[in-house]
Amino acid sequence: MPQYTKPIGKKCIIGIIIFIFMLIPSFVMAETLIKSKPPEYKNFCLILNSGLTDYSQAQIKYIIWTQEESELAAIEKIIQQTNLTWKKTILRNYFQNKAYEYIAQINISKNEEAEILNTYLFLNQKMKKFKAKVYMEEIIAANININDFLQKNNVVNLERIIISNMTSVTGFAEGLDQGISLNGRPVNFQIMTRTNNLSPGRTILAFPALY
């Protein structure tokens, strides 16, 4: 079947990393860590409230993607409940098959993070009745310590990819919904950051993975 861009494979993830950070990879190293027991439930800590950065502002992007034209009216009724401004785009692949993309972007402060995550979980829950996919990204212009971030959120099913001076980790954390299956692993978030000695910094936290 004709395919549109989706972050569901390792090659796609690596390609997006290279595109976003404009890096020339010198080596790739992957390691998989799987724990037998799920973590105890706790609220997922986003970047600004992680205590790992002095930044107090972040860019947030929500994306909804579907190929089902018959579901658009119902989807639009749901996204109107978020009070966000959404931009609709019609996508076409090489075979002229259509897909529909809705994007909302905002800048938030530290005390707005909890509500931002709640909006993603609300959209994710509502879209389960449709053939639609929901994504969210939080972006700051700073680097963070990924190991400390993962420890704060009790993440399991980790896979780490190191490309030159860039690190990307996918994994599963309680309280973020079921997510997707990536190479046979349940994944519901991805985080990428540059190494601490690089400037300008950049960190992206994505649910369930990069779009």
N, C-alpha and C. Protein backbone atom coordinates (compact mmCIF):
# COMPACT_ATOMS: atom_id res chain seq x y z
N MET A 1 0.84 -1.20 0.00
CA MET A 1 0.00 0.00 0.00
C MET A 1 0.87 1.25 0.00
N PRO A 2 0.42 2.35 -0.60
CA PRO A 2 1.17 3.60 -0.57
C PRO A 2 1.39 4.03 0.87
N GLN A 3 2.56 4.53 1.17
CA GLN A 3 2.90 4.89 2.53
C GLN A 3 3.18 6.38 2.63
N TYR A 4 2.84 6.95 3.78
CA TYR A 4 3.20 8.31 4.11
C TYR A 4 4.24 8.25 5.21
N THR A 5 4.89 9.38 5.44
CA THR A 5 5.95 9.40 6.44
C THR A 5 5.41 9.09 7.81
N LYS A 6 6.00 8.09 8.48
CA LYS A 6 5.60 7.71 9.82
C LYS A 6 6.83 7.33 10.63
N PRO A 7 6.87 7.72 11.93
CA PRO A 7 8.04 7.40 12.74
C PRO A 7 7.92 6.05 13.41
N ILE A 8 7.81 4.99 12.64
CA ILE A 8 7.58 3.70 13.25
C ILE A 8 8.75 2.75 13.05
N GLY A 9 9.78 3.16 12.34
CA GLY A 9 10.92 2.28 12.14
C GLY A 9 12.20 2.97 12.52
N LYS A 10 13.22 2.19 12.85
CA LYS A 10 14.49 2.76 13.30
C LYS A 10 15.11 3.61 12.21
N LYS A 11 15.02 3.18 10.92
CA LYS A 11 15.61 3.96 9.84
C LYS A 11 14.95 5.32 9.73
N CYS A 12 13.60 5.34 9.91
CA CYS A 12 12.88 6.62 9.84
C CYS A 12 13.32 7.53 10.98
N ILE A 13 13.46 6.95 12.19
CA ILE A 13 13.87 7.75 13.34
C ILE A 13 15.24 8.35 13.11
N ILE A 14 16.18 7.53 12.60
CA ILE A 14 17.54 8.01 12.35
C ILE A 14 17.52 9.12 11.31
N GLY A 15 16.70 8.94 10.26
CA GLY A 15 16.62 9.96 9.22
C GLY A 15 16.11 11.27 9.76
N ILE A 16 15.09 11.21 10.64
CA ILE A 16 14.53 12.43 11.20
C ILE A 16 15.55 13.11 12.11
N ILE A 17 16.28 12.30 12.88
CA ILE A 17 17.31 12.87 13.76
C ILE A 17 18.32 13.66 12.94
N ILE A 18 18.78 13.06 11.84
CA ILE A 18 19.79 13.71 11.00
C ILE A 18 19.23 14.99 10.40
N PHE A 19 17.95 14.94 9.98
CA PHE A 19 17.33 16.11 9.37
C PHE A 19 17.20 17.25 10.37
N ILE A 20 16.73 16.94 11.57
CA ILE A 20 16.46 17.98 12.55
C ILE A 20 17.75 18.61 13.05
N PHE A 21 18.71 17.80 13.33
CA PHE A 21 19.93 18.29 13.94
C PHE A 21 21.04 18.56 12.93
N MET A 22 20.83 18.20 11.66
CA MET A 22 21.78 18.45 10.58
C MET A 22 23.18 17.96 10.97
N LEU A 23 23.19 16.69 11.39
CA LEU A 23 24.44 16.10 11.84
C LEU A 23 24.98 15.15 10.78
N ILE A 24 26.28 14.95 10.76
CA ILE A 24 26.90 13.91 9.93
C ILE A 24 27.28 12.78 10.86
N PRO A 25 26.58 11.65 10.83
CA PRO A 25 26.84 10.57 11.79
C PRO A 25 28.21 9.96 11.58
N SER A 26 28.92 9.78 12.67
CA SER A 26 30.21 9.12 12.62
C SER A 26 30.13 7.68 13.07
N PHE A 27 29.16 7.38 13.91
CA PHE A 27 28.96 5.99 14.29
C PHE A 27 27.58 5.85 14.89
N VAL A 28 27.08 4.63 14.89
CA VAL A 28 25.77 4.32 15.48
C VAL A 28 25.97 3.21 16.49
N MET A 29 25.48 3.43 17.68
CA MET A 29 25.58 2.40 18.70
C MET A 29 24.22 2.23 19.33
N ALA A 30 23.71 1.03 19.37
CA ALA A 30 22.39 0.76 19.93
C ALA A 30 22.52 -0.21 21.08
N GLU A 31 21.74 0.04 22.12
CA GLU A 31 21.69 -0.89 23.23
C GLU A 31 20.25 -0.99 23.70
N THR A 32 19.80 -2.18 24.02
CA THR A 32 18.44 -2.40 24.45
C THR A 32 18.44 -2.91 25.88
N LEU A 33 17.66 -2.25 26.73
CA LEU A 33 17.54 -2.64 28.12
C LEU A 33 16.08 -2.92 28.40
N ILE A 34 15.74 -4.14 28.80
CA ILE A 34 14.36 -4.51 29.07
C ILE A 34 14.25 -4.99 30.50
N LYS A 35 13.40 -4.34 31.26
CA LYS A 35 13.17 -4.74 32.64
C LYS A 35 11.95 -5.65 32.70
N SER A 36 11.97 -6.56 33.63
CA SER A 36 10.90 -7.55 33.69
C SER A 36 9.64 -7.01 34.34
N LYS A 37 9.77 -6.03 35.23
CA LYS A 37 8.61 -5.51 35.94
C LYS A 37 8.33 -4.08 35.49
N PRO A 38 7.05 -3.72 35.32
CA PRO A 38 6.71 -2.34 34.97
C PRO A 38 6.95 -1.42 36.15
N PRO A 39 7.20 -0.14 35.92
CA PRO A 39 7.42 0.78 37.03
C PRO A 39 6.14 1.07 37.77
N GLU A 40 6.28 1.53 39.01
CA GLU A 40 5.11 1.97 39.75
C GLU A 40 4.57 3.23 39.09
N TYR A 41 3.26 3.40 39.16
CA TYR A 41 2.65 4.54 38.49
C TYR A 41 3.10 5.85 39.11
N LYS A 42 3.39 6.81 38.28
CA LYS A 42 3.67 8.17 38.70
C LYS A 42 3.37 9.07 37.51
N ASN A 43 3.11 10.35 37.78
CA ASN A 43 2.88 11.29 36.69
C ASN A 43 4.16 11.47 35.90
N PHE A 44 4.02 11.49 34.58
CA PHE A 44 5.20 11.65 33.72
C PHE A 44 5.69 13.08 33.82
N CYS A 45 6.98 13.25 34.00
CA CYS A 45 7.60 14.57 34.15
C CYS A 45 8.10 15.05 32.80
N LEU A 46 7.58 16.17 32.33
CA LEU A 46 8.04 16.75 31.07
C LEU A 46 9.33 17.53 31.28
N ILE A 47 9.83 18.16 30.23
CA ILE A 47 11.18 18.72 30.27
C ILE A 47 11.32 19.88 31.26
N LEU A 48 10.42 20.86 31.19
CA LEU A 48 10.60 22.07 31.99
C LEU A 48 10.55 21.80 33.48
N ASN A 49 9.72 20.84 33.90
CA ASN A 49 9.58 20.52 35.31
C ASN A 49 10.45 19.35 35.75
N SER A 50 11.40 18.96 34.92
CA SER A 50 12.26 17.83 35.25
C SER A 50 13.38 18.21 36.23
N GLY A 51 13.64 19.52 36.37
CA GLY A 51 14.75 19.95 37.19
C GLY A 51 16.09 19.81 36.50
N LEU A 52 16.07 19.51 35.20
CA LEU A 52 17.30 19.27 34.45
C LEU A 52 17.67 20.41 33.52
N THR A 53 16.90 21.49 33.55
CA THR A 53 17.18 22.65 32.71
C THR A 53 16.71 23.91 33.41
N ASP A 54 17.36 25.03 33.10
CA ASP A 54 16.95 26.32 33.63
C ASP A 54 15.91 26.99 32.73
N TYR A 55 15.62 26.38 31.60
CA TYR A 55 14.65 26.97 30.68
C TYR A 55 13.26 26.96 31.29
N SER A 56 12.50 28.02 31.03
CA SER A 56 11.14 28.12 31.56
C SER A 56 10.10 28.21 30.45
N GLN A 57 10.54 28.13 29.18
CA GLN A 57 9.64 28.19 28.04
C GLN A 57 9.94 27.02 27.11
N ALA A 58 8.89 26.49 26.48
CA ALA A 58 9.05 25.40 25.52
C ALA A 58 8.05 25.57 24.38
N GLN A 59 8.41 25.04 23.23
CA GLN A 59 7.50 25.00 22.09
C GLN A 59 6.78 23.66 22.08
N ILE A 60 5.47 23.69 21.89
CA ILE A 60 4.65 22.48 21.86
C ILE A 60 4.01 22.35 20.49
N LYS A 61 4.04 21.14 19.96
CA LYS A 61 3.38 20.86 18.69
C LYS A 61 2.51 19.61 18.84
N TYR A 62 1.25 19.72 18.43
CA TYR A 62 0.35 18.57 18.35
C TYR A 62 0.11 18.25 16.88
N ILE A 63 0.10 16.98 16.56
CA ILE A 63 -0.18 16.54 15.18
C ILE A 63 -1.21 15.43 15.21
N ILE A 64 -2.21 15.54 14.34
CA ILE A 64 -3.18 14.45 14.12
C ILE A 64 -3.12 14.10 12.64
N TRP A 65 -3.01 12.82 12.35
CA TRP A 65 -2.82 12.34 10.97
C TRP A 65 -3.83 11.24 10.68
N THR A 66 -4.48 11.32 9.53
CA THR A 66 -5.43 10.28 9.14
C THR A 66 -5.52 10.21 7.62
N GLN A 67 -5.94 9.07 7.13
CA GLN A 67 -6.22 8.90 5.71
C GLN A 67 -7.72 8.79 5.44
N GLU A 68 -8.52 8.83 6.50
CA GLU A 68 -9.96 8.59 6.38
C GLU A 68 -10.72 9.90 6.23
N GLU A 69 -11.09 10.23 5.01
CA GLU A 69 -11.83 11.48 4.77
C GLU A 69 -13.18 11.48 5.46
N SER A 70 -13.80 10.32 5.59
CA SER A 70 -15.13 10.23 6.20
C SER A 70 -15.11 10.57 7.69
N GLU A 71 -13.94 10.56 8.30
CA GLU A 71 -13.84 10.82 9.74
C GLU A 71 -13.46 12.27 10.06
N LEU A 72 -13.21 13.08 9.05
CA LEU A 72 -12.68 14.42 9.28
C LEU A 72 -13.63 15.30 10.09
N ALA A 73 -14.90 15.26 9.78
CA ALA A 73 -15.86 16.11 10.50
C ALA A 73 -15.87 15.79 11.98
N ALA A 74 -15.87 14.50 12.31
CA ALA A 74 -15.87 14.09 13.71
C ALA A 74 -14.57 14.47 14.40
N ILE A 75 -13.46 14.30 13.71
CA ILE A 75 -12.16 14.68 14.27
C ILE A 75 -12.11 16.18 14.55
N GLU A 76 -12.63 16.98 13.63
CA GLU A 76 -12.59 18.43 13.80
C GLU A 76 -13.46 18.88 14.98
N LYS A 77 -14.54 18.19 15.24
CA LYS A 77 -15.36 18.52 16.41
C LYS A 77 -14.58 18.28 17.70
N ILE A 78 -13.79 17.22 17.71
CA ILE A 78 -13.01 16.91 18.91
C ILE A 78 -11.89 17.92 19.12
N ILE A 79 -11.15 18.25 18.08
CA ILE A 79 -10.01 19.15 18.27
C ILE A 79 -10.47 20.57 18.61
N GLN A 80 -11.70 20.93 18.26
CA GLN A 80 -12.23 22.24 18.64
C GLN A 80 -12.37 22.36 20.15
N GLN A 81 -12.50 21.24 20.84
CA GLN A 81 -12.64 21.25 22.30
C GLN A 81 -11.34 21.62 23.00
N THR A 82 -10.23 21.61 22.30
CA THR A 82 -8.93 21.91 22.92
C THR A 82 -8.66 23.41 23.01
N ASN A 83 -9.45 24.23 22.32
CA ASN A 83 -9.24 25.68 22.27
C ASN A 83 -7.88 26.05 21.68
N LEU A 84 -7.34 25.17 20.86
CA LEU A 84 -6.11 25.46 20.14
C LEU A 84 -6.43 25.85 18.70
N THR A 85 -5.50 26.53 18.06
CA THR A 85 -5.65 26.89 16.65
C THR A 85 -4.99 25.81 15.80
N TRP A 86 -5.80 25.15 14.98
CA TRP A 86 -5.31 24.02 14.19
C TRP A 86 -5.20 24.41 12.71
N LYS A 87 -4.14 23.95 12.08
CA LYS A 87 -3.96 24.13 10.64
C LYS A 87 -4.13 22.78 9.95
N LYS A 88 -5.02 22.74 8.98
CA LYS A 88 -5.29 21.50 8.24
C LYS A 88 -4.53 21.51 6.91
N THR A 89 -3.87 20.39 6.62
CA THR A 89 -3.12 20.24 5.37
C THR A 89 -3.51 18.93 4.71
N ILE A 90 -3.71 18.97 3.40
CA ILE A 90 -3.97 17.75 2.63
C ILE A 90 -2.65 17.29 2.03
N LEU A 91 -2.26 16.07 2.35
CA LEU A 91 -1.01 15.50 1.86
C LEU A 91 -1.29 14.51 0.74
N ARG A 92 -0.38 14.41 -0.20
CA ARG A 92 -0.50 13.42 -1.28
C ARG A 92 0.85 12.72 -1.45
N ASN A 93 0.79 11.41 -1.67
CA ASN A 93 2.02 10.68 -1.94
C ASN A 93 2.24 10.57 -3.44
N TYR A 94 3.22 9.78 -3.83
CA TYR A 94 3.57 9.64 -5.25
C TYR A 94 2.40 9.15 -6.09
N PHE A 95 1.54 8.31 -5.48
CA PHE A 95 0.39 7.75 -6.19
C PHE A 95 -0.86 8.62 -6.06
N GLN A 96 -0.68 9.84 -5.51
CA GLN A 96 -1.77 10.80 -5.36
C GLN A 96 -2.82 10.35 -4.35
N ASN A 97 -2.47 9.45 -3.46
CA ASN A 97 -3.36 9.09 -2.37
C ASN A 97 -3.33 10.19 -1.31
N LYS A 98 -4.47 10.48 -0.72
CA LYS A 98 -4.58 11.59 0.22
C LYS A 98 -4.38 11.14 1.66
N ALA A 99 -3.81 12.05 2.44
CA ALA A 99 -3.81 11.95 3.89
C ALA A 99 -4.09 13.35 4.43
N TYR A 100 -4.56 13.42 5.66
CA TYR A 100 -4.97 14.70 6.24
C TYR A 100 -4.20 14.92 7.53
N GLU A 101 -3.67 16.12 7.67
CA GLU A 101 -2.81 16.45 8.80
C GLU A 101 -3.35 17.70 9.49
N TYR A 102 -3.49 17.62 10.80
CA TYR A 102 -3.88 18.77 11.62
C TYR A 102 -2.73 19.08 12.57
N ILE A 103 -2.29 20.33 12.59
CA ILE A 103 -1.18 20.73 13.46
C ILE A 103 -1.57 21.96 14.27
N ALA A 104 -1.27 21.92 15.57
CA ALA A 104 -1.43 23.07 16.46
C ALA A 104 -0.11 23.30 17.17
N GLN A 105 0.35 24.56 17.19
CA GLN A 105 1.62 24.89 17.83
C GLN A 105 1.43 26.05 18.80
N ILE A 106 2.02 25.91 19.98
CA ILE A 106 1.95 26.96 20.99
C ILE A 106 3.27 27.01 21.75
N ASN A 107 3.51 28.12 22.43
CA ASN A 107 4.62 28.23 23.37
C ASN A 107 4.05 28.22 24.78
N ILE A 108 4.69 27.49 25.67
CA ILE A 108 4.16 27.35 27.02
C ILE A 108 5.23 27.72 28.05
N SER A 109 4.75 27.98 29.27
CA SER A 109 5.63 28.19 30.40
C SER A 109 5.65 26.94 31.28
N LYS A 110 6.49 26.96 32.26
CA LYS A 110 6.70 25.80 33.12
C LYS A 110 5.42 25.34 33.80
N ASN A 111 4.60 26.29 34.26
CA ASN A 111 3.40 25.91 35.01
C ASN A 111 2.26 25.44 34.11
N GLU A 112 2.46 25.43 32.79
CA GLU A 112 1.44 24.95 31.86
C GLU A 112 1.70 23.53 31.37
N GLU A 113 2.81 22.93 31.77
CA GLU A 113 3.19 21.62 31.23
C GLU A 113 2.18 20.53 31.53
N ALA A 114 1.66 20.49 32.74
CA ALA A 114 0.73 19.42 33.11
C ALA A 114 -0.50 19.44 32.22
N GLU A 115 -1.03 20.62 31.95
CA GLU A 115 -2.21 20.72 31.10
C GLU A 115 -1.90 20.32 29.66
N ILE A 116 -0.70 20.62 29.21
CA ILE A 116 -0.29 20.25 27.86
C ILE A 116 -0.30 18.74 27.69
N LEU A 117 0.22 18.02 28.66
CA LEU A 117 0.22 16.56 28.60
C LEU A 117 -1.20 16.03 28.67
N ASN A 118 -2.04 16.64 29.50
CA ASN A 118 -3.44 16.21 29.59
C ASN A 118 -4.16 16.36 28.26
N THR A 119 -3.84 17.42 27.52
CA THR A 119 -4.45 17.61 26.21
C THR A 119 -4.05 16.50 25.25
N TYR A 120 -2.78 16.11 25.27
CA TYR A 120 -2.34 15.00 24.42
C TYR A 120 -3.07 13.71 24.79
N LEU A 121 -3.17 13.42 26.08
CA LEU A 121 -3.84 12.18 26.51
C LEU A 121 -5.32 12.21 26.15
N PHE A 122 -5.94 13.40 26.25
CA PHE A 122 -7.34 13.55 25.85
C PHE A 122 -7.51 13.25 24.37
N LEU A 123 -6.67 13.85 23.54
CA LEU A 123 -6.76 13.62 22.10
C LEU A 123 -6.49 12.16 21.75
N ASN A 124 -5.51 11.58 22.40
CA ASN A 124 -5.16 10.19 22.13
C ASN A 124 -6.32 9.26 22.45
N GLN A 125 -6.98 9.53 23.57
CA GLN A 125 -8.12 8.70 23.97
C GLN A 125 -9.29 8.86 23.00
N LYS A 126 -9.58 10.09 22.60
CA LYS A 126 -10.70 10.36 21.71
C LYS A 126 -10.47 9.81 20.31
N MET A 127 -9.24 9.79 19.85
CA MET A 127 -8.95 9.36 18.48
C MET A 127 -8.90 7.84 18.33
N LYS A 128 -8.99 7.12 19.43
CA LYS A 128 -8.94 5.66 19.35
C LYS A 128 -10.12 5.10 18.56
N LYS A 129 -11.22 5.81 18.53
CA LYS A 129 -12.39 5.34 17.79
C LYS A 129 -12.24 5.57 16.28
N PHE A 130 -11.21 6.33 15.89
CA PHE A 130 -10.97 6.63 14.48
C PHE A 130 -9.67 5.99 14.02
N LYS A 131 -9.46 6.01 12.71
CA LYS A 131 -8.18 5.54 12.16
C LYS A 131 -7.24 6.74 12.05
N ALA A 132 -6.99 7.34 13.19
CA ALA A 132 -6.16 8.54 13.26
C ALA A 132 -5.03 8.33 14.25
N LYS A 133 -3.93 9.01 14.01
CA LYS A 133 -2.77 8.93 14.89
C LYS A 133 -2.50 10.31 15.49
N VAL A 134 -2.15 10.32 16.77
CA VAL A 134 -1.91 11.57 17.49
C VAL A 134 -0.45 11.62 17.94
N TYR A 135 0.17 12.78 17.75
CA TYR A 135 1.55 12.98 18.16
C TYR A 135 1.66 14.29 18.93
N MET A 136 2.65 14.36 19.81
CA MET A 136 2.95 15.60 20.51
C MET A 136 4.45 15.73 20.64
N GLU A 137 4.96 16.96 20.49
CA GLU A 137 6.38 17.22 20.65
C GLU A 137 6.58 18.43 21.56
N GLU A 138 7.53 18.32 22.47
CA GLU A 138 7.97 19.45 23.30
C GLU A 138 9.43 19.73 22.96
N ILE A 139 9.74 20.98 22.66
CA ILE A 139 11.08 21.33 22.16
C ILE A 139 11.64 22.50 22.96
N ILE A 140 12.90 22.37 23.42
CA ILE A 140 13.60 23.49 24.04
C ILE A 140 14.97 23.62 23.40
N ALA A 141 15.52 24.82 23.46
CA ALA A 141 16.84 25.08 22.88
C ALA A 141 17.92 24.89 23.93
N ALA A 142 17.95 23.71 24.53
CA ALA A 142 18.94 23.38 25.56
C ALA A 142 19.12 21.88 25.59
N ASN A 143 20.26 21.44 26.09
CA ASN A 143 20.54 20.02 26.26
C ASN A 143 20.20 19.60 27.69
N ILE A 144 19.82 18.34 27.87
CA ILE A 144 19.58 17.82 29.21
C ILE A 144 20.30 16.48 29.36
N ASN A 145 20.39 16.02 30.59
CA ASN A 145 20.96 14.72 30.87
C ASN A 145 19.88 13.66 30.68
N ILE A 146 19.98 12.89 29.60
CA ILE A 146 18.93 11.91 29.28
C ILE A 146 18.83 10.84 30.36
N ASN A 147 19.96 10.38 30.89
CA ASN A 147 19.91 9.33 31.91
C ASN A 147 19.13 9.77 33.14
N ASP A 148 19.33 11.02 33.56
CA ASP A 148 18.58 11.54 34.71
C ASP A 148 17.10 11.65 34.37
N PHE A 149 16.78 12.05 33.14
CA PHE A 149 15.38 12.16 32.73
C PHE A 149 14.69 10.80 32.76
N LEU A 150 15.36 9.78 32.24
CA LEU A 150 14.77 8.44 32.22
C LEU A 150 14.57 7.90 33.63
N GLN A 151 15.51 8.19 34.51
CA GLN A 151 15.39 7.72 35.89
C GLN A 151 14.22 8.39 36.60
N LYS A 152 14.01 9.67 36.35
CA LYS A 152 12.90 10.39 36.98
C LYS A 152 11.55 9.80 36.58
N ASN A 153 11.47 9.24 35.36
CA ASN A 153 10.19 8.76 34.85
C ASN A 153 10.07 7.24 34.85
N ASN A 154 11.01 6.55 35.49
CA ASN A 154 10.93 5.08 35.63
C ASN A 154 10.62 4.40 34.29
N VAL A 155 11.41 4.69 33.30
CA VAL A 155 11.15 4.20 31.94
C VAL A 155 11.67 2.77 31.78
N VAL A 156 10.92 1.94 31.04
CA VAL A 156 11.34 0.58 30.72
C VAL A 156 11.37 0.40 29.21
N ASN A 157 11.82 -0.79 28.77
CA ASN A 157 11.89 -1.12 27.34
C ASN A 157 12.68 -0.08 26.55
N LEU A 158 13.84 0.27 27.08
CA LEU A 158 14.64 1.33 26.47
C LEU A 158 15.40 0.84 25.24
N GLU A 159 15.50 1.70 24.26
CA GLU A 159 16.47 1.50 23.18
C GLU A 159 17.15 2.84 22.94
N ARG A 160 18.46 2.82 23.00
CA ARG A 160 19.26 4.03 22.88
C ARG A 160 20.03 4.01 21.57
N ILE A 161 19.97 5.12 20.84
CA ILE A 161 20.72 5.26 19.60
C ILE A 161 21.62 6.48 19.73
N ILE A 162 22.91 6.29 19.52
CA ILE A 162 23.87 7.38 19.59
C ILE A 162 24.43 7.61 18.19
N ILE A 163 24.25 8.84 17.69
CA ILE A 163 24.73 9.20 16.37
C ILE A 163 25.63 10.41 16.52
N SER A 164 26.94 10.20 16.39
CA SER A 164 27.89 11.28 16.55
C SER A 164 27.66 11.98 17.88
N ASN A 165 27.23 13.26 17.87
CA ASN A 165 27.02 14.01 19.11
C ASN A 165 25.55 14.15 19.46
N MET A 166 24.75 13.14 19.11
CA MET A 166 23.31 13.17 19.33
C MET A 166 22.86 11.85 19.94
N THR A 167 21.99 11.91 20.95
CA THR A 167 21.46 10.70 21.58
C THR A 167 19.94 10.70 21.48
N SER A 168 19.37 9.56 21.08
CA SER A 168 17.93 9.37 21.02
C SER A 168 17.56 8.12 21.81
N VAL A 169 16.50 8.21 22.61
CA VAL A 169 16.04 7.07 23.39
C VAL A 169 14.53 6.92 23.20
N THR A 170 14.09 5.71 22.90
CA THR A 170 12.67 5.38 22.91
C THR A 170 12.42 4.46 24.09
N GLY A 171 11.20 4.50 24.62
CA GLY A 171 10.89 3.66 25.77
C GLY A 171 9.42 3.70 26.12
N PHE A 172 9.10 3.10 27.25
CA PHE A 172 7.71 3.01 27.71
C PHE A 172 7.64 3.48 29.15
N ALA A 173 6.67 4.36 29.44
CA ALA A 173 6.46 4.87 30.79
C ALA A 173 4.98 4.77 31.14
N GLU A 174 4.69 4.46 32.39
CA GLU A 174 3.30 4.37 32.84
C GLU A 174 2.61 5.73 32.74
N GLY A 175 1.31 5.70 32.48
CA GLY A 175 0.51 6.92 32.46
C GLY A 175 0.49 7.66 31.15
N LEU A 176 1.12 7.10 30.11
CA LEU A 176 1.18 7.78 28.81
C LEU A 176 0.38 7.06 27.73
N ASP A 177 -0.48 6.15 28.10
CA ASP A 177 -1.27 5.38 27.16
C ASP A 177 -0.41 4.31 26.49
N GLN A 178 -1.02 3.53 25.60
CA GLN A 178 -0.37 2.34 25.08
C GLN A 178 0.74 2.64 24.07
N GLY A 179 0.63 3.70 23.32
CA GLY A 179 1.68 4.03 22.37
C GLY A 179 1.66 3.15 21.13
N ILE A 180 2.84 2.81 20.63
CA ILE A 180 2.99 2.05 19.39
C ILE A 180 3.94 0.88 19.63
N SER A 181 4.02 0.00 18.65
CA SER A 181 4.98 -1.09 18.69
C SER A 181 6.14 -0.73 17.77
N LEU A 182 7.34 -0.71 18.31
CA LEU A 182 8.53 -0.36 17.54
C LEU A 182 9.51 -1.52 17.62
N ASN A 183 9.68 -2.20 16.48
CA ASN A 183 10.55 -3.38 16.45
C ASN A 183 10.15 -4.41 17.51
N GLY A 184 8.83 -4.55 17.71
CA GLY A 184 8.32 -5.53 18.65
C GLY A 184 8.27 -5.05 20.09
N ARG A 185 8.69 -3.81 20.35
CA ARG A 185 8.67 -3.27 21.71
C ARG A 185 7.54 -2.26 21.85
N PRO A 186 6.85 -2.25 23.01
CA PRO A 186 5.88 -1.18 23.26
C PRO A 186 6.62 0.13 23.56
N VAL A 187 6.28 1.17 22.84
CA VAL A 187 6.94 2.48 22.97
C VAL A 187 5.87 3.55 23.07
N ASN A 188 6.00 4.46 24.03
CA ASN A 188 5.06 5.57 24.08
C ASN A 188 5.73 6.93 24.24
N PHE A 189 7.05 6.98 24.11
CA PHE A 189 7.71 8.28 24.04
C PHE A 189 9.11 8.13 23.46
N GLN A 190 9.63 9.24 22.98
CA GLN A 190 11.00 9.32 22.46
C GLN A 190 11.60 10.64 22.90
N ILE A 191 12.85 10.62 23.31
CA ILE A 191 13.53 11.86 23.67
C ILE A 191 14.88 11.90 22.96
N MET A 192 15.23 13.08 22.46
CA MET A 192 16.50 13.29 21.77
C MET A 192 17.17 14.54 22.32
N THR A 193 18.47 14.49 22.47
CA THR A 193 19.20 15.67 22.92
C THR A 193 20.62 15.62 22.38
N ARG A 194 21.22 16.79 22.26
CA ARG A 194 22.64 16.87 21.91
C ARG A 194 23.47 16.64 23.17
N THR A 195 24.76 16.34 22.95
CA THR A 195 25.64 16.19 24.10
C THR A 195 25.82 17.54 24.77
N ASN A 196 26.11 17.52 26.07
CA ASN A 196 26.07 18.73 26.88
C ASN A 196 27.06 19.81 26.46
N ASN A 197 28.12 19.44 25.75
CA ASN A 197 29.13 20.44 25.40
C ASN A 197 28.83 21.15 24.09
N LEU A 198 27.70 20.84 23.46
CA LEU A 198 27.36 21.48 22.19
C LEU A 198 26.45 22.68 22.39
N SER A 199 26.69 23.71 21.60
CA SER A 199 25.86 24.91 21.64
C SER A 199 25.61 25.36 20.20
N PRO A 200 24.38 25.75 19.85
CA PRO A 200 23.22 25.80 20.73
C PRO A 200 22.68 24.42 21.05
N GLY A 201 22.04 24.31 22.19
CA GLY A 201 21.47 23.03 22.59
C GLY A 201 20.11 22.79 21.94
N ARG A 202 19.66 21.56 22.04
CA ARG A 202 18.34 21.23 21.50
C ARG A 202 17.90 19.90 22.10
N THR A 203 16.69 19.88 22.65
CA THR A 203 16.09 18.65 23.18
C THR A 203 14.66 18.56 22.68
N ILE A 204 14.27 17.38 22.22
CA ILE A 204 12.91 17.13 21.76
C ILE A 204 12.35 15.93 22.51
N LEU A 205 11.20 16.12 23.12
CA LEU A 205 10.46 15.03 23.76
C LEU A 205 9.21 14.80 22.93
N ALA A 206 9.02 13.57 22.44
CA ALA A 206 7.92 13.28 21.51
C ALA A 206 7.08 12.12 22.01
N PHE A 207 5.78 12.20 21.79
CA PHE A 207 4.84 11.13 22.13
C PHE A 207 4.04 10.75 20.89
N PRO A 208 3.88 9.47 20.57
CA PRO A 208 4.59 8.32 21.14
C PRO A 208 5.99 8.18 20.56
N ALA A 209 6.28 8.93 19.48
CA ALA A 209 7.60 8.97 18.85
C ALA A 209 7.61 10.18 17.94
N LEU A 210 8.75 10.47 17.35
CA LEU A 210 8.81 11.61 16.43
C LEU A 210 7.89 11.41 15.24
N TYR A 211 7.24 12.47 14.83
CA TYR A 211 6.33 12.42 13.69
C TYR A 211 7.12 12.47 12.40
